[in-house]
Amino acid sequence: MMENSRKARERAEAALSGPPERPAKGSAIGIIAAESLATQEKTARLKKLRMERDATEVPKVAKVKAKTTASKPRVKKSAG
Protein backbone atom coordinates (compact mmCIF):
# COMPACT_ATOMS: atom_id res chain seq x y z
CA MET A 1 0.00 0.00 0.00
CA MET A 2 2.85 2.36 0.74
CA GLU A 3 4.25 1.73 -2.70
CA ASN A 4 1.03 3.01 -4.31
CA SER A 5 0.92 6.13 -2.15
CA ARG A 6 4.57 6.91 -2.90
CA LYS A 7 3.95 6.62 -6.67
CA ALA A 8 0.82 8.78 -6.38
CA ARG A 9 2.78 11.39 -4.44
CA GLU A 10 5.59 11.40 -7.04
CA ARG A 11 3.06 11.86 -9.86
CA ALA A 12 1.35 14.69 -8.03
CA GLU A 13 4.64 16.45 -7.32
CA ALA A 14 5.67 16.09 -10.95
CA ALA A 15 2.34 17.49 -12.15
CA LEU A 16 2.40 20.44 -9.74
CA SER A 17 6.07 21.29 -9.92
CA GLY A 18 5.63 23.41 -13.04
CA PRO A 19 7.27 23.24 -16.42
CA PRO A 20 10.58 21.42 -16.70
CA GLU A 21 13.78 23.41 -16.75
CA ARG A 22 14.29 25.20 -20.03
CA PRO A 23 17.71 25.47 -21.59
CA ALA A 24 19.37 28.85 -21.51
CA LYS A 25 18.05 31.41 -23.94
CA GLY A 26 19.92 31.41 -27.21
CA SER A 27 21.00 27.81 -26.90
CA ALA A 28 19.27 27.01 -30.20
CA ILE A 29 21.63 29.42 -31.93
CA GLY A 30 24.56 27.67 -30.27
CA ILE A 31 23.30 24.27 -31.38
CA ILE A 32 22.80 25.47 -34.96
CA ALA A 33 26.26 27.04 -35.01
CA ALA A 34 27.83 23.85 -33.66
CA GLU A 35 26.05 21.72 -36.28
CA SER A 36 27.12 24.12 -39.02
CA LEU A 37 30.73 24.01 -37.86
CA ALA A 38 30.65 20.21 -37.69
CA THR A 39 29.25 20.05 -41.23
CA GLN A 40 31.95 22.40 -42.53
CA GLU A 41 34.69 20.35 -40.85
CA LYS A 42 33.31 17.10 -42.23
CA THR A 43 33.05 18.57 -45.72
CA ALA A 44 36.63 19.83 -45.56
CA ARG A 45 37.88 16.44 -44.32
CA LEU A 46 36.05 14.56 -47.08
CA LYS A 47 37.30 17.00 -49.73
CA LYS A 48 40.87 16.49 -48.53
CA LEU A 49 40.48 12.70 -48.66
CA ARG A 50 38.94 12.88 -52.14
CA MET A 51 41.77 15.08 -53.43
CA GLU A 52 44.39 12.71 -51.95
CA ARG A 53 42.65 9.74 -53.54
CA ASP A 54 42.43 11.46 -56.92
CA ALA A 55 46.11 12.46 -56.76
CA THR A 56 47.23 8.85 -56.27
CA GLU A 57 44.80 7.35 -58.76
CA VAL A 58 46.11 6.82 -62.29
CA PRO A 59 43.63 8.23 -64.78
CA LYS A 60 42.16 5.59 -67.04
CA VAL A 61 42.65 6.15 -70.74
CA ALA A 62 39.46 5.74 -72.66
CA LYS A 63 39.76 3.63 -75.77
CA VAL A 64 38.72 5.52 -78.83
CA LYS A 65 37.03 3.51 -81.53
CA ALA A 66 38.38 4.07 -85.01
CA LYS A 67 35.92 5.82 -87.25
CA THR A 68 34.76 3.74 -90.14
CA THR A 69 35.01 5.43 -93.46
CA ALA A 70 31.73 6.30 -94.99
CA SER A 71 31.41 4.08 -97.98
CA LYS A 72 28.77 3.76 -100.57
CA PRO A 73 25.97 1.39 -99.74
CA ARG A 74 26.66 -2.06 -101.03
CA VAL A 75 24.60 -3.14 -103.97
CA LYS A 76 23.68 -6.77 -104.31
CA LYS A 77 24.92 -8.28 -107.48
CA SER A 78 22.18 -9.87 -109.46
CA ALA A 79 22.68 -13.38 -110.63
CA GLY A 80 22.82 -13.43 -114.27
C-alpha atoms as a PDB file:
ATOM      1  CA  MET A   1       0.000   0.000   0.000  1.00  0.00           C
ATOM      2  CA  MET A   2       2.846   2.358   0.738  1.00  0.00           C
ATOM      3  CA  GLU A   3       4.245   1.728  -2.703  1.00  0.00           C
ATOM      4  CA  ASN A   4       1.033   3.006  -4.307  1.00  0.00           C
ATOM      5  CA  SER A   5       0.925   6.128  -2.153  1.00  0.00           C
ATOM      6  CA  ARG A   6       4.573   6.912  -2.903  1.00  0.00           C
ATOM      7  CA  LYS A   7       3.947   6.620  -6.665  1.00  0.00           C
ATOM      8  CA  ALA A   8       0.825   8.776  -6.381  1.00  0.00           C
ATOM      9  CA  ARG A   9       2.775  11.389  -4.436  1.00  0.00           C
ATOM     10  CA  GLU A  10       5.593  11.401  -7.045  1.00  0.00           C
ATOM     11  CA  ARG A  11       3.056  11.856  -9.860  1.00  0.00           C
ATOM     12  CA  ALA A  12       1.346  14.688  -8.029  1.00  0.00           C
ATOM     13  CA  GLU A  13       4.640  16.451  -7.321  1.00  0.00           C
ATOM     14  CA  ALA A  14       5.669  16.091 -10.948  1.00  0.00           C
ATOM     15  CA  ALA A  15       2.342  17.486 -12.145  1.00  0.00           C
ATOM     16  CA  LEU A  16       2.395  20.439  -9.738  1.00  0.00           C
ATOM     17  CA  SER A  17       6.074  21.291  -9.921  1.00  0.00           C
ATOM     18  CA  GLY A  18       5.632  23.412 -13.039  1.00  0.00           C
ATOM     19  CA  PRO A  19       7.268  23.242 -16.416  1.00  0.00           C
ATOM     20  CA  PRO A  20      10.579  21.420 -16.700  1.00  0.00           C
ATOM     21  CA  GLU A  21      13.784  23.413 -16.749  1.00  0.00           C
ATOM     22  CA  ARG A  22      14.293  25.200 -20.035  1.00  0.00           C
ATOM     23  CA  PRO A  23      17.706  25.473 -21.594  1.00  0.00           C
ATOM     24  CA  ALA A  24      19.371  28.849 -21.511  1.00  0.00           C
ATOM     25  CA  LYS A  25      18.050  31.415 -23.936  1.00  0.00           C
ATOM     26  CA  GLY A  26      19.920  31.414 -27.211  1.00  0.00           C
ATOM     27  CA  SER A  27      21.000  27.806 -26.900  1.00  0.00           C
ATOM     28  CA  ALA A  28      19.273  27.014 -30.201  1.00  0.00           C
ATOM     29  CA  ILE A  29      21.628  29.420 -31.926  1.00  0.00           C
ATOM     30  CA  GLY A  30      24.556  27.670 -30.268  1.00  0.00           C
ATOM     31  CA  ILE A  31      23.299  24.271 -31.380  1.00  0.00           C
ATOM     32  CA  ILE A  32      22.802  25.466 -34.959  1.00  0.00           C
ATOM     33  CA  ALA A  33      26.261  27.045 -35.008  1.00  0.00           C
ATOM     34  CA  ALA A  34      27.831  23.849 -33.661  1.00  0.00           C
ATOM     35  CA  GLU A  35      26.052  21.724 -36.280  1.00  0.00           C
ATOM     36  CA  SER A  36      27.119  24.115 -39.022  1.00  0.00           C
ATOM     37  CA  LEU A  37      30.734  24.008 -37.864  1.00  0.00           C
ATOM     38  CA  ALA A  38      30.652  20.211 -37.693  1.00  0.00           C
ATOM     39  CA  THR A  39      29.245  20.046 -41.234  1.00  0.00           C
ATOM     40  CA  GLN A  40      31.950  22.398 -42.535  1.00  0.00           C
ATOM     41  CA  GLU A  41      34.689  20.354 -40.848  1.00  0.00           C
ATOM     42  CA  LYS A  42      33.315  17.100 -42.228  1.00  0.00           C
ATOM     43  CA  THR A  43      33.046  18.566 -45.725  1.00  0.00           C
ATOM     44  CA  ALA A  44      36.633  19.831 -45.556  1.00  0.00           C
ATOM     45  CA  ARG A  45      37.876  16.441 -44.321  1.00  0.00           C
ATOM     46  CA  LEU A  46      36.045  14.561 -47.077  1.00  0.00           C
ATOM     47  CA  LYS A  47      37.295  17.005 -49.727  1.00  0.00           C
ATOM     48  CA  LYS A  48      40.872  16.492 -48.532  1.00  0.00           C
ATOM     49  CA  LEU A  49      40.483  12.703 -48.656  1.00  0.00           C
ATOM     50  CA  ARG A  50      38.944  12.882 -52.137  1.00  0.00           C
ATOM     51  CA  MET A  51      41.768  15.076 -53.425  1.00  0.00           C
ATOM     52  CA  GLU A  52      44.388  12.710 -51.954  1.00  0.00           C
ATOM     53  CA  ARG A  53      42.651   9.736 -53.541  1.00  0.00           C
ATOM     54  CA  ASP A  54      42.429  11.455 -56.923  1.00  0.00           C
ATOM     55  CA  ALA A  55      46.106  12.457 -56.762  1.00  0.00           C
ATOM     56  CA  THR A  56      47.228   8.853 -56.265  1.00  0.00           C
ATOM     57  CA  GLU A  57      44.803   7.355 -58.764  1.00  0.00           C
ATOM     58  CA  VAL A  58      46.107   6.823 -62.290  1.00  0.00           C
ATOM     59  CA  PRO A  59      43.628   8.233 -64.782  1.00  0.00           C
ATOM     60  CA  LYS A  60      42.159   5.593 -67.039  1.00  0.00           C
ATOM     61  CA  VAL A  61      42.646   6.152 -70.736  1.00  0.00           C
ATOM     62  CA  ALA A  62      39.462   5.737 -72.659  1.00  0.00           C
ATOM     63  CA  LYS A  63      39.764   3.632 -75.770  1.00  0.00           C
ATOM     64  CA  VAL A  64      38.718   5.521 -78.833  1.00  0.00           C
ATOM     65  CA  LYS A  65      37.027   3.515 -81.533  1.00  0.00           C
ATOM     66  CA  ALA A  66      38.377   4.075 -85.008  1.00  0.00           C
ATOM     67  CA  LYS A  67      35.921   5.816 -87.252  1.00  0.00           C
ATOM     68  CA  THR A  68      34.763   3.742 -90.136  1.00  0.00           C
ATOM     69  CA  THR A  69      35.012   5.427 -93.463  1.00  0.00           C
ATOM     70  CA  ALA A  70      31.731   6.298 -94.991  1.00  0.00           C
ATOM     71  CA  SER A  71      31.415   4.077 -97.981  1.00  0.00           C
ATOM     72  CA  LYS A  72      28.770   3.761-100.575  1.00  0.00           C
ATOM     73  CA  PRO A  73      25.971   1.395 -99.738  1.00  0.00           C
ATOM     74  CA  ARG A  74      26.658  -2.057-101.026  1.00  0.00           C
ATOM     75  CA  VAL A  75      24.600  -3.139-103.972  1.00  0.00           C
ATOM     76  CA  LYS A  76      23.680  -6.767-104.308  1.00  0.00           C
ATOM     77  CA  LYS A  77      24.925  -8.276-107.480  1.00  0.00           C
ATOM     78  CA  SER A  78      22.183  -9.869-109.460  1.00  0.00           C
ATOM     79  CA  ALA A  79      22.678 -13.382-110.630  1.00  0.00           C
ATOM     80  CA  GLY A  80      22.818 -13.432-114.269  1.00  0.00           C
END
